[in-house]
Amino acid sequence: MSAIEEKKAKTDSGAGFILLFFILGLVSSLLTGWVAFPKLLYSQKSQPFDFNHAIHLDMVDGCESCHFFREDGTYAGVPKLAQCIDCHEEVQGGTEDEAIFVEEYVANYREVPWLIYSEQPDCVFFSHAAHVKSGGMDCVTCHGNIGTSTSLKPYEENRITGYSRDIWGKNIAGIKKNTWDRMKMDDCAACHRENGVKQNSVQTHKGACFVCHK
């Protein structure tokens, strides 16, 4: 082998090593960012009680019995204790959760500190009336089949922002399988475009940030 050929072989070998090192580094970075980082970023918390929607739905007159529009047009998303007292003045059944609920919350008129999966930042304005009443949207579109669930999923809190992971979504790449997999602003904008929603009377403002952010 001539000196030129030997030098070329060494160069090729070095380039191959650099390429391999780059690929391994890229794979390692992706695994760290897509797998390890979310586990570090979110902490799991349990709800005060493992609420059974299915059993309650069988006993009340539809979802609107607990989730309803008030007279002023605002929406009662998470039920207050006053809505539970009529049925739970006394312990119903023999579960430990039921006994704790009645003795510690109902008896003391103490609100249950539910962790809200869909809570939005203060700077975001969302109108249930515009979407449910005017738009005719089904609750399942944004919240999934929660009404048929027998238990609540873990609440995953972002350690930095303090908000639920449901706002961003499970998939860090932003891939959605269902309409309710996340509740980001671009999802809202895409839905508005698909349904021809005019977000502002001035066409140039359509999709403007200030439509939802106050």
Protein backbone atom coordinates (compact mmCIF):
# COMPACT_ATOMS: atom_id res chain seq x y z
CA MET A 1 0.00 0.00 0.00
CA SER A 2 1.38 3.39 -1.01
CA ALA A 3 1.66 6.29 1.39
CA ILE A 4 -1.25 8.06 -0.36
CA GLU A 5 -3.49 5.00 -0.12
CA GLU A 6 -2.56 4.51 3.54
CA LYS A 7 -3.35 8.14 4.30
CA LYS A 8 -6.71 7.84 2.50
CA ALA A 9 -7.58 4.68 4.48
CA LYS A 10 -6.82 6.47 7.75
CA THR A 11 -8.95 9.44 6.67
CA ASP A 12 -11.89 7.17 5.76
CA SER A 13 -11.52 5.31 9.04
CA GLY A 14 -11.54 8.59 10.98
CA ALA A 15 -14.59 9.84 9.10
CA GLY A 16 -16.40 6.58 9.80
CA PHE A 17 -15.59 6.85 13.50
CA ILE A 18 -16.87 10.44 13.61
CA LEU A 19 -20.09 9.41 11.83
CA LEU A 20 -20.62 6.51 14.24
CA PHE A 21 -19.97 8.80 17.21
CA PHE A 22 -22.48 11.32 15.80
CA ILE A 23 -25.17 8.65 15.32
CA LEU A 24 -24.67 7.24 18.82
CA GLY A 25 -24.78 10.76 20.27
CA LEU A 26 -27.98 11.57 18.38
CA VAL A 27 -29.71 8.36 19.48
CA SER A 28 -28.60 8.95 23.07
CA SER A 29 -29.89 12.53 22.99
CA LEU A 30 -33.26 11.46 21.58
CA LEU A 31 -33.67 8.74 24.19
CA THR A 32 -32.76 11.18 26.95
CA GLY A 33 -35.05 13.92 25.66
CA TRP A 34 -38.04 11.76 24.70
CA VAL A 35 -37.95 9.14 27.44
CA ALA A 36 -35.99 10.34 30.46
CA PHE A 37 -36.82 14.07 30.39
CA PRO A 38 -40.63 13.69 30.66
CA LYS A 39 -40.17 11.38 33.65
CA LEU A 40 -38.08 14.06 35.34
CA LEU A 41 -40.31 16.95 34.28
CA TYR A 42 -43.61 15.50 35.55
CA SER A 43 -44.53 14.26 39.00
CA GLN A 44 -47.50 11.96 39.53
CA LYS A 45 -50.12 12.89 42.08
CA SER A 46 -53.24 11.05 43.18
CA GLN A 47 -56.67 12.64 43.36
CA PRO A 48 -58.21 12.95 46.86
CA PHE A 49 -60.63 10.16 45.85
CA ASP A 50 -60.76 7.68 43.00
CA PHE A 51 -64.02 8.98 41.55
CA ASN A 52 -66.23 6.54 39.64
CA HIS A 53 -68.05 8.40 36.88
CA ALA A 54 -69.90 5.34 35.58
CA ILE A 55 -71.65 4.53 38.84
CA HIS A 56 -72.69 8.15 39.34
CA LEU A 57 -73.97 8.48 35.79
CA ASP A 58 -76.33 5.58 36.44
CA MET A 59 -77.81 7.42 39.41
CA VAL A 60 -78.22 10.95 38.06
CA ASP A 61 -79.99 12.53 35.11
CA GLY A 62 -77.05 12.81 32.71
CA CYS A 63 -73.74 14.68 32.86
CA GLU A 64 -75.57 18.02 33.25
CA SER A 65 -76.61 17.06 36.77
CA CYS A 66 -73.08 17.77 37.94
CA HIS A 67 -71.55 19.74 35.07
CA PHE A 68 -73.87 22.58 34.08
CA PHE A 69 -74.15 26.18 32.98
CA ARG A 70 -74.91 28.71 35.69
CA GLU A 71 -77.45 31.50 35.23
CA ASP A 72 -74.69 33.97 34.34
CA GLY A 73 -73.49 31.71 31.52
CA THR A 74 -70.36 30.44 33.24
CA TYR A 75 -69.72 26.71 33.38
CA ALA A 76 -69.57 24.59 36.53
CA GLY A 77 -66.84 22.18 35.49
CA VAL A 78 -65.73 20.62 38.75
CA PRO A 79 -68.76 20.04 41.03
CA LYS A 80 -68.84 21.81 44.37
CA LEU A 81 -69.64 20.06 47.62
CA ALA A 82 -73.19 21.45 47.56
CA GLN A 83 -73.95 19.22 44.58
CA CYS A 84 -72.81 16.12 46.44
CA ILE A 85 -74.43 16.67 49.83
CA ASP A 86 -77.97 15.68 48.85
CA CYS A 87 -76.86 12.13 48.09
CA HIS A 88 -73.98 11.88 50.54
CA GLU A 89 -75.32 13.25 53.80
CA GLU A 90 -74.83 9.73 55.07
CA VAL A 91 -72.31 7.11 54.04
CA GLN A 92 -73.36 5.27 50.88
CA GLY A 93 -71.86 1.79 50.67
CA GLY A 94 -68.92 0.44 52.61
CA THR A 95 -65.84 1.85 50.90
CA GLU A 96 -63.16 3.65 52.89
CA ASP A 97 -63.20 6.60 50.46
CA GLU A 98 -66.93 7.13 51.00
CA ALA A 99 -66.53 7.16 54.79
CA ILE A 100 -63.64 9.66 54.56
CA PHE A 101 -65.59 11.85 52.13
CA VAL A 102 -68.63 12.07 54.41
CA GLU A 103 -66.77 12.41 57.71
CA GLU A 104 -64.01 14.80 56.65
CA TYR A 105 -65.62 16.82 53.85
CA VAL A 106 -69.42 16.65 53.94
CA ALA A 107 -69.69 16.87 57.73
CA ASN A 108 -67.33 19.86 57.79
CA TYR A 109 -68.62 21.56 54.61
CA ARG A 110 -65.09 21.35 53.26
CA GLU A 111 -64.52 21.44 49.51
CA VAL A 112 -62.62 18.52 47.99
CA PRO A 113 -59.25 19.74 46.57
CA TRP A 114 -59.62 18.05 43.18
CA LEU A 115 -56.66 18.30 40.82
CA ILE A 116 -57.98 19.69 37.51
CA TYR A 117 -56.58 18.02 34.40
CA SER A 118 -57.79 20.73 32.02
CA GLU A 119 -57.01 23.83 34.09
CA GLN A 120 -55.73 26.61 31.84
CA PRO A 121 -53.32 29.45 32.73
CA ASP A 122 -54.92 32.68 33.97
CA CYS A 123 -54.02 34.40 30.70
CA VAL A 124 -56.25 32.02 28.70
CA PHE A 125 -59.95 32.66 28.24
CA PHE A 126 -62.06 29.64 27.32
CA SER A 127 -65.82 29.75 26.92
CA HIS A 128 -67.70 26.46 27.33
CA ALA A 129 -70.89 28.23 26.25
CA ALA A 130 -69.42 29.22 22.87
CA HIS A 131 -68.27 25.67 22.18
CA VAL A 132 -71.08 23.60 23.71
CA LYS A 133 -74.11 25.84 23.22
CA SER A 134 -73.19 27.74 20.05
CA GLY A 135 -70.80 25.24 18.47
CA GLY A 136 -72.74 22.13 19.49
CA MET A 137 -69.58 20.30 20.50
CA ASP A 138 -69.72 17.07 22.46
CA CYS A 139 -67.79 17.01 25.74
CA VAL A 140 -65.99 13.86 24.55
CA THR A 141 -64.20 15.87 21.85
CA CYS A 142 -61.99 17.58 24.43
CA HIS A 143 -62.34 15.43 27.53
CA GLY A 144 -62.56 11.90 26.14
CA ASN A 145 -64.90 9.20 27.43
CA ILE A 146 -64.54 10.30 31.03
CA GLY A 147 -68.24 9.73 31.67
CA THR A 148 -67.86 5.96 31.33
CA SER A 149 -64.71 5.68 33.45
CA THR A 150 -64.70 3.73 36.72
CA SER A 151 -61.57 5.40 38.09
CA LEU A 152 -59.49 8.51 37.61
CA LYS A 153 -56.14 8.51 35.85
CA PRO A 154 -53.06 9.78 37.70
CA TYR A 155 -52.59 13.54 37.67
CA GLU A 156 -49.21 14.44 36.16
CA GLU A 157 -48.00 17.87 37.21
CA ASN A 158 -45.34 19.81 35.36
CA ARG A 159 -42.66 20.57 37.97
CA ILE A 160 -41.87 23.90 36.29
CA THR A 161 -45.29 25.35 35.39
CA GLY A 162 -47.47 23.49 37.89
CA TYR A 163 -50.03 22.62 35.21
CA SER A 164 -51.30 19.22 34.15
CA ARG A 165 -49.57 17.20 31.46
CA ASP A 166 -52.92 17.01 29.67
CA ILE A 167 -52.32 20.55 28.43
CA TRP A 168 -49.25 19.44 26.47
CA GLY A 169 -50.14 15.81 25.85
CA LYS A 170 -48.49 12.47 26.52
CA ASN A 171 -46.49 12.40 23.31
CA ILE A 172 -43.57 14.81 23.47
CA ALA A 173 -43.51 14.94 19.66
CA GLY A 174 -47.04 16.33 19.69
CA ILE A 175 -48.57 13.36 17.86
CA LYS A 176 -52.28 12.88 18.56
CA LYS A 177 -54.39 9.73 18.21
CA ASN A 178 -57.57 11.26 19.61
CA THR A 179 -59.03 14.76 19.68
CA TRP A 180 -58.73 14.81 23.46
CA ASP A 181 -55.07 13.78 23.68
CA ARG A 182 -53.98 17.35 24.40
CA MET A 183 -55.37 20.87 24.65
CA LYS A 184 -52.77 23.15 23.07
CA MET A 185 -53.56 26.40 21.31
CA ASP A 186 -52.58 25.04 17.89
CA ASP A 187 -55.19 22.29 18.33
CA CYS A 188 -57.82 24.95 18.98
CA ALA A 189 -56.68 26.95 15.95
CA ALA A 190 -56.74 23.88 13.70
CA CYS A 191 -60.27 22.99 14.83
CA HIS A 192 -61.42 26.56 14.21
CA ARG A 193 -59.98 26.50 10.70
CA GLU A 194 -61.56 23.14 9.89
CA ASN A 195 -64.96 24.35 11.02
CA GLY A 196 -64.74 27.78 9.42
CA VAL A 197 -64.94 29.65 12.71
CA LYS A 198 -64.51 33.41 12.38
CA GLN A 199 -62.57 34.38 15.45
CA ASN A 200 -62.88 38.08 14.88
CA SER A 201 -65.10 40.34 12.84
CA VAL A 202 -61.99 41.76 11.17
CA GLN A 203 -60.66 39.07 8.85
CA THR A 204 -57.04 40.16 9.26
CA HIS A 205 -57.30 39.37 12.96
CA LYS A 206 -58.45 35.79 12.40
CA GLY A 207 -56.30 33.54 14.52
CA ALA A 208 -54.80 36.45 16.45
CA CYS A 209 -53.41 35.64 19.90
CA PHE A 210 -55.67 38.17 21.66
CA VAL A 211 -58.80 36.25 20.64
CA CYS A 212 -58.18 33.75 23.46
CA HIS A 213 -55.38 35.37 25.44
CA LYS A 214 -56.46 38.38 27.51
